[in-house]
Protein backbone atom coordinates (compact mmCIF):
# COMPACT_ATOMS: atom_id res chain seq x y z
CA MET A 1 -67.59 59.03 -79.83
CA LEU A 2 -64.22 57.99 -82.12
CA ALA A 3 -63.12 55.61 -79.91
CA ARG A 4 -67.35 53.90 -79.38
CA ARG A 5 -66.64 53.74 -83.05
CA ALA A 6 -63.33 52.27 -83.47
CA GLU A 7 -64.87 49.80 -80.42
CA ARG A 8 -67.99 48.62 -82.46
CA SER A 9 -65.92 47.88 -85.48
CA GLY A 10 -63.56 46.05 -84.01
CA ARG A 11 -66.11 43.53 -82.38
CA GLU A 12 -68.26 43.11 -86.13
CA ARG A 13 -64.58 42.22 -87.47
CA LEU A 14 -64.42 39.82 -84.71
CA ALA A 15 -68.04 38.58 -84.98
CA SER A 16 -66.96 38.11 -89.02
CA VAL A 17 -63.81 36.28 -87.98
CA LEU A 18 -65.98 33.80 -85.50
CA ARG A 19 -68.62 33.45 -88.35
CA HIS A 20 -66.04 31.91 -91.16
CA LEU A 21 -64.16 29.69 -88.46
CA GLY A 22 -64.29 25.97 -89.20
CA GLN A 23 -64.18 25.64 -85.77
CA GLY A 24 -66.62 26.23 -82.46
CA VAL A 25 -65.32 29.00 -80.06
CA VAL A 26 -67.22 29.81 -77.02
CA ALA A 27 -66.16 32.57 -74.96
CA THR A 28 -67.42 33.10 -71.16
CA ASP A 29 -66.52 35.50 -68.68
CA ALA A 30 -65.32 34.77 -64.87
CA GLN A 31 -68.96 33.93 -64.02
CA GLY A 32 -69.49 31.37 -67.14
CA LEU A 33 -71.36 33.32 -68.75
CA ILE A 34 -71.56 33.13 -72.59
CA LEU A 35 -69.71 36.11 -74.29
CA ALA A 36 -69.66 34.96 -77.45
CA ALA A 37 -70.30 32.12 -79.77
CA ASN A 38 -70.27 31.46 -83.51
CA PRO A 39 -72.35 29.28 -85.74
CA ALA A 40 -69.75 26.18 -85.72
CA ALA A 41 -70.43 26.44 -81.94
CA ASP A 42 -73.80 25.98 -82.83
CA ALA A 43 -73.77 23.21 -84.98
CA LEU A 44 -71.30 20.93 -82.78
CA THR A 45 -73.45 21.33 -79.06
CA GLY A 46 -77.12 21.59 -81.03
CA ALA A 47 -77.75 25.01 -79.06
CA ALA A 48 -78.47 28.74 -80.46
CA LEU A 49 -75.58 29.86 -78.42
CA GLY A 50 -74.98 33.01 -80.27
CA ALA A 51 -78.46 34.08 -78.80
CA ALA A 52 -77.75 32.89 -75.50
CA VAL A 53 -75.06 35.43 -74.38
CA GLY A 54 -75.11 36.59 -70.65
CA ARG A 55 -76.55 32.82 -69.73
CA PRO A 56 -74.18 30.66 -68.07
CA LEU A 57 -72.83 28.40 -70.44
CA ALA A 58 -73.24 25.60 -67.61
CA ASP A 59 -77.16 25.79 -68.06
CA VAL A 60 -77.12 25.90 -72.14
CA VAL A 61 -74.52 23.16 -72.73
CA PRO A 62 -73.87 21.11 -69.42
CA ALA A 63 -70.98 19.15 -70.94
CA LEU A 64 -69.33 22.16 -71.08
CA ASP A 65 -69.12 23.80 -67.51
CA PRO A 66 -66.24 26.42 -67.43
CA ASP A 67 -65.76 25.10 -63.40
CA ARG A 68 -65.27 21.83 -64.40
CA HIS A 69 -63.14 21.95 -67.30
CA VAL A 70 -61.01 25.07 -66.38
CA ARG A 71 -58.72 24.11 -63.78
CA GLY A 72 -56.01 26.27 -64.44
CA ALA A 73 -53.85 26.73 -67.35
CA GLU A 74 -52.07 23.04 -66.86
CA SER A 75 -55.17 20.82 -66.91
CA ALA A 76 -56.25 23.17 -69.94
CA ALA A 77 -53.27 22.30 -72.30
CA MET A 78 -54.63 18.95 -72.90
CA PRO A 79 -57.93 18.52 -74.69
CA ARG A 80 -60.62 16.27 -74.20
CA VAL A 81 -63.37 14.34 -75.99
CA GLN A 82 -67.17 14.89 -75.04
CA ARG A 83 -70.24 13.31 -76.76
CA LEU A 84 -72.50 15.89 -78.21
CA MET A 85 -75.19 15.99 -80.52
CA GLY A 86 -74.76 11.99 -81.07
CA GLN A 87 -71.07 12.62 -82.08
CA ASP A 88 -67.52 12.60 -80.67
CA VAL A 89 -66.23 16.21 -79.89
CA LEU A 90 -62.72 17.48 -79.52
CA VAL A 91 -62.82 20.59 -76.72
CA LYS A 92 -60.33 22.15 -75.44
CA ALA A 93 -60.62 25.14 -72.98
CA LEU A 94 -58.12 27.74 -72.55
CA PRO A 95 -58.60 30.30 -69.82
CA VAL A 96 -58.21 33.60 -70.09
CA MET A 97 -55.80 35.29 -67.47
CA GLU A 98 -55.98 38.68 -66.28
CA GLY A 99 -53.68 40.27 -63.82
CA GLY A 100 -52.42 36.45 -62.71
CA ARG A 101 -55.91 35.18 -62.28
CA PRO A 102 -58.58 33.89 -64.17
CA ASP A 103 -61.36 36.39 -65.96
CA GLY A 104 -63.08 33.86 -68.36
CA ALA A 105 -62.62 31.17 -71.08
CA VAL A 106 -62.13 30.18 -74.49
CA PHE A 107 -63.46 27.17 -75.34
CA THR A 108 -62.81 25.92 -79.24
CA LEU A 109 -64.70 22.64 -80.35
CA GLU A 110 -64.06 20.14 -83.51
CA ARG A 111 -65.43 17.12 -84.58
CA SER A 112 -62.97 14.29 -83.58
CA SER A 113 -63.53 12.69 -86.83
CA THR A 114 -61.85 16.12 -88.64
CA VAL A 115 -58.66 15.52 -86.57
CA GLU A 116 -58.56 12.29 -87.39
CA GLN A 117 -58.52 12.86 -90.83
CA ALA A 118 -56.12 15.69 -90.64
CA PHE A 119 -53.89 13.10 -88.37
CA ARG A 120 -53.97 10.70 -91.09
CA ARG A 121 -52.84 13.15 -93.87
CA LEU A 122 -49.95 14.26 -91.57
CA ARG A 123 -48.90 10.59 -91.33
CA ALA A 124 -49.07 9.94 -94.86
CA HIS A 125 -47.30 13.15 -95.89
CA ASP A 126 -44.74 11.83 -93.44
CA ARG A 127 -44.36 8.83 -94.82
CA ALA A 128 -43.80 9.93 -98.21
CA ARG A 129 -40.94 12.36 -97.22
CA PRO A 130 -38.10 10.38 -98.86
CA ARG A 131 -35.76 9.43 -95.62
CA PRO A 132 -31.50 9.38 -95.63
CA ALA A 133 -30.51 5.68 -95.62
CA ARG A 134 -30.41 3.83 -91.62
CA TYR A 135 -27.23 1.47 -92.31
CA THR A 136 -23.94 2.56 -92.54
CA LEU A 137 -21.08 0.22 -93.84
CA ALA A 138 -20.00 -0.25 -89.68
CA HIS A 139 -23.05 -2.34 -90.16
CA VAL A 140 -21.69 -4.55 -92.50
CA VAL A 141 -20.13 -7.90 -90.86
CA GLN A 142 -16.65 -7.94 -92.31
CA ALA A 143 -14.75 -10.18 -89.76
CA SER A 144 -13.07 -12.15 -92.83
CA PRO A 145 -10.41 -10.43 -95.17
CA GLN A 146 -12.55 -10.69 -97.86
CA MET A 147 -15.41 -8.54 -96.71
CA GLN A 148 -12.57 -6.20 -94.74
CA ALA A 149 -11.71 -5.62 -98.49
CA LEU A 150 -15.11 -5.03 -99.59
CA VAL A 151 -15.45 -2.93 -97.53
CA ARG A 152 -12.47 -0.88 -97.97
CA ARG A 153 -13.29 -0.76 -101.95
CA CYS A 154 -16.87 0.52 -101.04
CA GLU A 155 -15.61 3.10 -98.95
CA ILE A 156 -13.34 4.32 -102.22
CA LEU A 157 -15.78 4.26 -104.57
CA ALA A 158 -18.97 6.09 -102.21
CA GLY A 159 -16.60 9.08 -103.38
CA HIS A 160 -17.46 8.69 -107.06
CA ALA A 161 -20.44 10.81 -106.49
CA ASP A 162 -22.68 10.11 -109.74
CA ALA A 163 -20.73 6.62 -110.90
CA THR A 164 -23.14 4.16 -111.08
CA VAL A 165 -22.82 0.78 -108.74
CA LEU A 166 -23.70 -2.99 -109.90
CA ILE A 167 -24.11 -4.94 -106.72
CA THR A 168 -24.17 -8.84 -107.52
CA GLY A 169 -24.80 -11.46 -104.94
CA PRO A 170 -26.70 -14.48 -104.14
CA THR A 171 -30.15 -13.92 -102.71
CA GLY A 172 -30.05 -12.59 -99.01
CA VAL A 173 -26.24 -11.76 -98.59
CA GLY A 174 -27.73 -7.95 -97.63
CA LYS A 175 -27.08 -6.14 -101.20
CA GLU A 176 -29.41 -3.26 -100.19
CA LEU A 177 -27.67 -3.54 -96.84
CA VAL A 178 -24.25 -2.14 -98.94
CA ALA A 179 -25.78 0.50 -101.16
CA GLN A 180 -27.30 1.73 -98.13
CA GLY A 181 -24.06 2.03 -97.02
CA ILE A 182 -22.15 3.36 -99.94
CA HIS A 183 -24.83 6.13 -99.58
CA SER A 184 -23.91 6.85 -96.38
CA ALA A 185 -20.50 7.49 -97.07
CA SER A 186 -20.85 9.31 -100.13
CA ARG A 187 -21.79 13.41 -100.20
CA ARG A 188 -25.26 12.43 -100.39
CA ARG A 189 -25.43 10.63 -97.20
CA GLY A 190 -27.78 13.81 -96.01
CA GLN A 191 -30.17 13.12 -99.17
CA ALA A 192 -32.92 10.72 -99.79
CA PHE A 193 -31.86 6.99 -100.16
CA VAL A 194 -34.38 5.71 -102.37
CA ALA A 195 -35.30 1.74 -102.84
CA VAL A 196 -37.70 -0.22 -105.21
CA ASN A 197 -37.81 -3.87 -106.63
CA CYS A 198 -38.36 -3.90 -109.81
CA GLY A 199 -39.61 -7.95 -109.52
CA ALA A 200 -42.18 -6.64 -107.20
CA LEU A 201 -44.39 -4.60 -109.14
CA ALA A 202 -45.97 -5.69 -112.35
CA PRO A 203 -44.39 -3.37 -115.59
CA THR A 204 -47.31 -0.91 -116.07
CA LEU A 205 -47.69 0.14 -112.14
CA LEU A 206 -43.58 -0.56 -111.94
CA GLU A 207 -43.49 2.17 -114.73
CA SER A 208 -45.46 4.88 -112.97
CA GLU A 209 -43.82 4.36 -109.50
CA LEU A 210 -40.11 5.02 -111.23
CA PHE A 211 -41.20 8.05 -113.30
CA GLY A 212 -44.46 9.66 -111.90
CA TYR A 213 -47.69 10.49 -114.11
CA GLU A 214 -49.31 13.54 -114.69
CA GLU A 215 -53.36 14.30 -114.40
CA GLY A 216 -55.10 11.90 -116.76
CA ALA A 217 -52.21 9.38 -117.36
CA PHE A 218 -54.62 6.77 -116.98
CA THR A 219 -57.91 5.61 -115.19
CA GLY A 220 -57.63 5.76 -111.72
CA ALA A 221 -54.54 7.99 -111.93
CA ARG A 222 -54.64 11.13 -108.94
CA ARG A 223 -56.33 14.51 -110.19
CA GLU A 224 -52.89 15.92 -109.55
CA GLY A 225 -50.42 13.67 -110.70
CA ARG A 226 -47.94 12.22 -108.96
CA ALA A 227 -43.93 12.17 -108.50
CA GLY A 228 -41.68 9.01 -109.48
CA LEU A 229 -39.39 7.62 -106.99
CA PHE A 230 -36.59 9.18 -109.44
CA GLU A 231 -38.22 12.23 -108.51
CA ALA A 232 -38.10 11.26 -104.64
CA ALA A 233 -34.68 10.27 -104.97
CA ASN A 234 -33.55 13.94 -106.39
CA GLY A 235 -29.95 14.82 -105.00
CA GLY A 236 -29.72 11.11 -103.43
CA THR A 237 -29.61 7.64 -104.27
CA LEU A 238 -31.92 5.29 -106.36
CA LEU A 239 -31.32 1.53 -105.43
CA LEU A 240 -33.00 -1.16 -108.16
CA ASP A 241 -32.71 -3.89 -106.59
CA GLU A 242 -33.33 -7.13 -108.52
CA ILE A 243 -32.75 -4.51 -111.50
CA GLY A 244 -32.80 -7.86 -113.80
CA GLU A 245 -36.42 -8.59 -113.81
CA LEU A 246 -36.98 -4.88 -114.92
CA PRO A 247 -38.79 -5.15 -118.66
CA LEU A 248 -36.96 -4.24 -121.72
CA ASP A 249 -38.95 -1.34 -122.68
CA LEU A 250 -38.46 0.17 -118.80
CA GLN A 251 -34.49 -0.58 -119.57
CA THR A 252 -35.04 1.69 -122.60
CA ARG A 253 -36.62 4.32 -120.41
CA LEU A 254 -34.30 3.78 -117.90
CA LEU A 255 -31.09 4.12 -120.14
CA ARG A 256 -32.42 7.76 -121.39
CA VAL A 257 -32.44 8.36 -117.78
CA LEU A 258 -28.98 8.04 -116.76
CA GLN A 259 -27.39 9.39 -119.92
CA GLU A 260 -29.67 12.33 -119.75
CA ARG A 261 -29.77 12.96 -115.98
CA GLU A 262 -33.66 13.83 -116.84
CA VAL A 263 -37.22 12.11 -116.86
CA THR A 264 -40.55 12.82 -118.16
CA ARG A 265 -43.66 11.82 -116.22
CA VAL A 266 -45.83 9.18 -117.74
CA GLY A 267 -48.20 11.30 -119.86
CA GLY A 268 -45.67 14.36 -120.34
CA HIS A 269 -44.03 16.15 -122.48
CA ALA A 270 -41.25 18.16 -120.31
CA PRO A 271 -38.87 16.37 -118.94
CA MET A 272 -37.11 17.24 -115.45
CA PRO A 273 -33.81 17.44 -114.29
CA VAL A 274 -32.83 14.80 -112.06
CA ASP A 275 -29.21 14.57 -109.69
CA ILE A 276 -29.71 11.28 -108.45
CA ARG A 277 -26.49 8.74 -107.69
CA VAL A 278 -28.25 5.66 -109.39
CA ILE A 279 -27.19 1.83 -107.42
CA SER A 280 -28.34 -1.21 -108.72
CA ALA A 281 -28.31 -5.20 -107.45
CA THR A 282 -29.18 -8.05 -108.69
CA HIS A 283 -28.66 -11.87 -107.61
CA GLN A 284 -28.54 -13.00 -111.49
CA ASP A 285 -25.51 -13.35 -113.89
CA LEU A 286 -26.70 -10.23 -116.11
CA ARG A 287 -23.71 -10.76 -118.84
CA VAL A 288 -25.66 -13.90 -119.73
CA ALA A 289 -28.79 -11.85 -119.19
CA VAL A 290 -27.59 -9.71 -121.90
CA GLN A 291 -26.43 -12.94 -124.47
CA GLU A 292 -30.30 -14.18 -124.22
CA GLY A 293 -31.81 -10.64 -125.04
CA ARG A 294 -33.38 -10.59 -122.00
CA PHE A 295 -30.87 -6.86 -120.93
CA ARG A 296 -29.71 -4.24 -123.43
CA GLU A 297 -25.83 -4.31 -123.35
CA ASP A 298 -25.96 -0.58 -123.57
CA LEU A 299 -27.56 -0.55 -119.89
CA TYR A 300 -25.74 -3.20 -118.39
CA TYR A 301 -22.57 -0.87 -119.40
CA ARG A 302 -23.78 2.25 -117.68
CA ILE A 303 -24.92 0.63 -114.95
CA ALA A 304 -21.80 -1.27 -113.75
CA VAL A 305 -19.43 1.58 -114.00
CA LEU A 306 -18.35 0.34 -110.46
CA ARG A 307 -18.90 -2.92 -108.88
CA VAL A 308 -19.09 -4.87 -106.22
CA ASP A 309 -19.53 -8.43 -105.59
CA ILE A 310 -20.35 -10.17 -102.09
CA PRO A 311 -19.86 -13.67 -101.65
CA PRO A 312 -22.56 -16.24 -99.97
CA LEU A 313 -21.62 -17.08 -96.43
CA ALA A 314 -20.77 -20.78 -97.79
CA ASP A 315 -17.26 -18.89 -98.59
CA ARG A 316 -16.72 -16.74 -95.51
CA PRO A 317 -16.44 -18.88 -92.17
CA ALA A 318 -15.16 -15.95 -90.24
CA ASP A 319 -18.54 -13.80 -90.89
CA LEU A 320 -20.56 -17.05 -90.75
CA GLU A 321 -19.94 -17.25 -86.98
CA ALA A 322 -20.05 -13.12 -86.50
CA LEU A 323 -22.97 -12.99 -87.84
CA ALA A 324 -24.42 -15.91 -86.54
CA SER A 325 -23.39 -14.57 -83.34
CA ILE A 326 -25.02 -11.04 -83.70
CA MET A 327 -28.03 -12.92 -84.96
CA VAL A 328 -28.45 -15.39 -82.31
CA GLY A 329 -27.87 -12.99 -79.45
CA ALA A 330 -29.82 -10.37 -80.79
CA ALA A 331 -32.86 -12.63 -80.40
CA LEU A 332 -31.81 -14.23 -77.32
CA ARG A 333 -32.01 -10.75 -75.25
CA GLU A 334 -35.46 -10.11 -76.95
CA ALA A 335 -36.54 -13.07 -75.70
CA GLY A 336 -35.35 -11.91 -71.99
CA LEU A 337 -32.78 -14.43 -71.95
CA SER A 338 -29.32 -12.82 -72.23
CA GLU A 339 -27.66 -15.43 -69.57
CA LEU A 340 -27.82 -17.67 -72.59
CA VAL A 341 -26.07 -16.11 -74.57
CA GLU A 342 -22.40 -16.62 -73.90
CA GLY A 343 -23.74 -20.88 -73.66
CA VAL A 344 -25.27 -20.47 -77.08
CA SER A 345 -22.25 -18.65 -78.96
CA ASN A 346 -20.22 -21.38 -77.44
CA ALA A 347 -22.04 -24.34 -79.28
CA LEU A 348 -22.82 -22.24 -82.72
CA PRO A 349 -19.59 -22.78 -84.60
CA ALA A 350 -19.81 -26.69 -84.78
CA VAL A 351 -23.41 -26.64 -86.07
CA LEU A 352 -22.30 -24.03 -88.32
CA ARG A 353 -20.14 -26.00 -90.14
CA THR A 354 -22.66 -28.70 -91.05
CA HIS A 355 -24.93 -26.64 -93.53
CA ASP A 356 -23.88 -24.68 -96.41
CA TRP A 357 -26.70 -21.76 -95.84
CA PRO A 358 -27.68 -21.15 -99.22
CA GLY A 359 -30.74 -18.86 -98.08
CA ASN A 360 -27.38 -16.07 -96.38
CA ALA A 361 -28.30 -13.76 -94.17
CA ARG A 362 -31.95 -13.84 -94.12
CA GLU A 363 -32.20 -17.76 -93.69
CA MET A 364 -29.65 -17.26 -90.64
CA GLN A 365 -32.39 -15.17 -88.51
CA ASN A 366 -35.03 -17.85 -89.08
CA PHE A 367 -32.11 -20.15 -87.28
CA ALA A 368 -32.01 -17.22 -85.00
CA GLN A 369 -35.71 -17.02 -84.23
CA ARG A 370 -35.96 -20.94 -84.00
CA VAL A 371 -33.00 -20.62 -81.21
CA ALA A 372 -34.35 -18.28 -79.16
CA LEU A 373 -37.84 -20.40 -79.16
CA CYS A 374 -36.01 -23.59 -78.32
CA CYS A 375 -34.23 -21.94 -75.41
CA LEU A 376 -37.28 -20.77 -73.86
CA GLU A 377 -38.88 -24.15 -74.51
CA ARG A 378 -36.28 -25.68 -72.80
CA GLN A 379 -34.88 -22.76 -70.40
CA GLY A 380 -31.61 -23.25 -71.28
CA VAL A 381 -28.52 -23.82 -73.64
CA PRO A 382 -30.32 -26.50 -76.58
CA SER A 383 -27.84 -29.45 -77.24
CA ALA A 384 -25.11 -29.51 -80.74
CA GLY A 385 -28.13 -32.23 -81.87
CA GLU A 386 -30.93 -29.71 -81.15
CA LEU A 387 -29.62 -26.60 -82.55
CA ARG A 388 -28.85 -28.76 -85.49
CA ALA A 389 -32.31 -30.17 -86.31
CA LEU A 390 -33.24 -25.95 -86.20
CA ILE A 391 -31.46 -25.10 -89.46
CA ASP A 392 -33.50 -25.08 -92.35
CA ALA A 393 -32.96 -28.76 -94.31
CA PRO A 394 -32.10 -28.77 -98.17
CA LEU A 395 -34.84 -27.92 -100.32
CA PRO A 396 -35.55 -30.95 -102.97
CA GLU A 397 -35.28 -30.77 -106.22
CA VAL A 398 -37.68 -30.42 -108.69
CA GLY A 399 -39.54 -33.50 -109.74
CA ALA A 400 -37.56 -35.62 -106.83
CA PRO A 401 -38.65 -39.06 -105.79
CA ILE A 402 -40.87 -38.48 -102.22
CA ASP A 403 -41.16 -41.91 -101.61
CA PRO A 404 -38.32 -44.52 -102.32
CA PRO A 405 -38.82 -48.39 -102.90
CA ALA A 406 -39.47 -51.00 -100.90
CA LEU A 407 -36.52 -53.04 -101.98
CA PRO A 408 -32.29 -50.50 -102.62
CA THR A 409 -31.35 -51.59 -105.80
CA LEU A 410 -27.80 -52.28 -106.44
CA GLY A 411 -27.27 -48.29 -107.45
CA GLU A 412 -28.51 -47.55 -103.83
CA LYS A 413 -26.84 -49.86 -102.70
CA ARG A 414 -23.51 -48.41 -104.05
CA ALA A 415 -24.68 -44.81 -103.13
CA GLY A 416 -25.01 -46.02 -99.49
CA ASP A 417 -22.01 -47.21 -99.45
CA GLU A 418 -20.81 -44.10 -100.63
CA LEU A 419 -22.74 -41.90 -98.02
CA ARG A 420 -21.62 -43.76 -95.51
CA HIS A 421 -17.81 -42.88 -95.87
CA ILE A 422 -19.02 -39.19 -96.73
CA ARG A 423 -19.92 -39.20 -93.14
CA GLN A 424 -17.10 -41.09 -91.98
CA VAL A 425 -14.58 -38.34 -93.69
CA LEU A 426 -16.75 -35.82 -92.22
CA ALA A 427 -17.02 -35.90 -89.05
CA GLU A 428 -13.02 -36.92 -89.25
CA CYS A 429 -13.17 -33.36 -90.39
CA GLY A 430 -15.31 -32.15 -87.59
CA GLY A 431 -17.97 -31.18 -89.63
CA SER A 432 -15.76 -29.16 -92.32
CA GLN A 433 -17.56 -29.72 -95.53
CA ALA A 434 -14.52 -27.67 -97.18
CA GLU A 435 -12.18 -29.70 -95.72
CA ALA A 436 -14.48 -33.32 -95.87
CA ALA A 437 -15.01 -32.19 -100.32
CA ARG A 438 -11.13 -31.90 -99.82
CA ARG A 439 -10.31 -35.06 -98.73
CA LEU A 440 -12.67 -37.13 -100.94
CA GLY A 441 -11.19 -35.13 -104.01
CA ILE A 442 -14.80 -34.11 -104.85
CA SER A 443 -16.61 -30.42 -104.74
CA ARG A 444 -18.73 -29.26 -102.37
CA THR A 445 -21.51 -28.95 -104.20
CA THR A 446 -21.13 -32.85 -105.36
CA MET A 447 -21.04 -33.74 -101.35
CA TRP A 448 -23.91 -31.64 -100.40
CA ARG A 449 -26.23 -33.54 -102.93
CA ARG A 450 -25.26 -36.49 -102.19
CA LEU A 451 -25.82 -36.12 -98.29
CA ARG A 452 -29.62 -34.42 -99.41
CA SER A 453 -30.61 -37.49 -101.36
CA GLU A 454 -30.29 -39.00 -98.05
CA LYS A 455 -32.37 -37.13 -96.05
CA ALA A 456 -34.85 -36.94 -99.33
């Protein structure tokens, strides 16, 4: 009698659990007869399964025929999508084994929309998790003595775990790559590397992105608030790219974070301690910005404890050729033209010297993609002239005349004679603008402007 009472109590507890499950659950015996079902299964199938205990499941809901769904544990591991009651339902059937033989089955049913929402939440959570840096200092092209010395310097300063670093250099020169390399060489390498472009966001949005916000801090704020990038980078490194674009009021808040090592969310009052290393990057001369009142002097000295100045590609011919070889080779291999890599690489050096590459690595990446497309069209190695035509033409100055006069003036005639002389010296120097400028006794910039005026 006690055993029957305990068994009845167990069945009641199981029935209570099934009733409260959000998933639909249906159990059958070895003959496919319904043993139990919960209300969620009734709602998803549109059948009164709970009242159909003892009847074949295939008769009540033909789409859930146990013989069709359960064919051993291997096939049961894969859920199937069934159309029930005008909606897609994810159905998983698991066999119940007894003595090594099937003795029934358990079906679980769930709306596909619920599964999709859960998957999106998981993906969003995965994206929000801080990640370590992707690159190391080994990824920095260092064929030139300048970059070899720079990488050695970065390896040394990476050991100063909390000292701020200011990386300067023209646009596209690889400042974030170097920042990631410093992080990867430091003791923080297993922690998060978080980057934000200070010039890409509106000041109000940038403030909430950096410092986070509390519930109700502003209209549209999340009910639970949100952590900022300082908190996301806790234990790791935060890169403030284009820090010269940071508004003055946010410069004041940033200075306090660097001084106190704590951050207060927008709309909040309780400061939270943060353990981060801040690396800043800019293409501007911040000392000039300080003189002009656009950048706080005390913040400048706080972010520039250590400095790394990356020279442009035009000043590093060895790196220019190495980077071109890497990028063009990768573009050709991606296009399925591996057999052309050697031939194109051999033709590149003479072509590269005819341009100053003001866009640095970004401009080189564009050039590499054009080379690959040209090779696909020709199904062979382009000529030097074709390769040279793929390089970006220098940008015209604002306000420069578009259409020249019909008849040349005396000044234009003298300029034409000058251009012919420059071209002649440039040809004698094998296309090297640096050597030609030295022979002519003018700067490379002046010579480049003369040549550019010819193309305008």
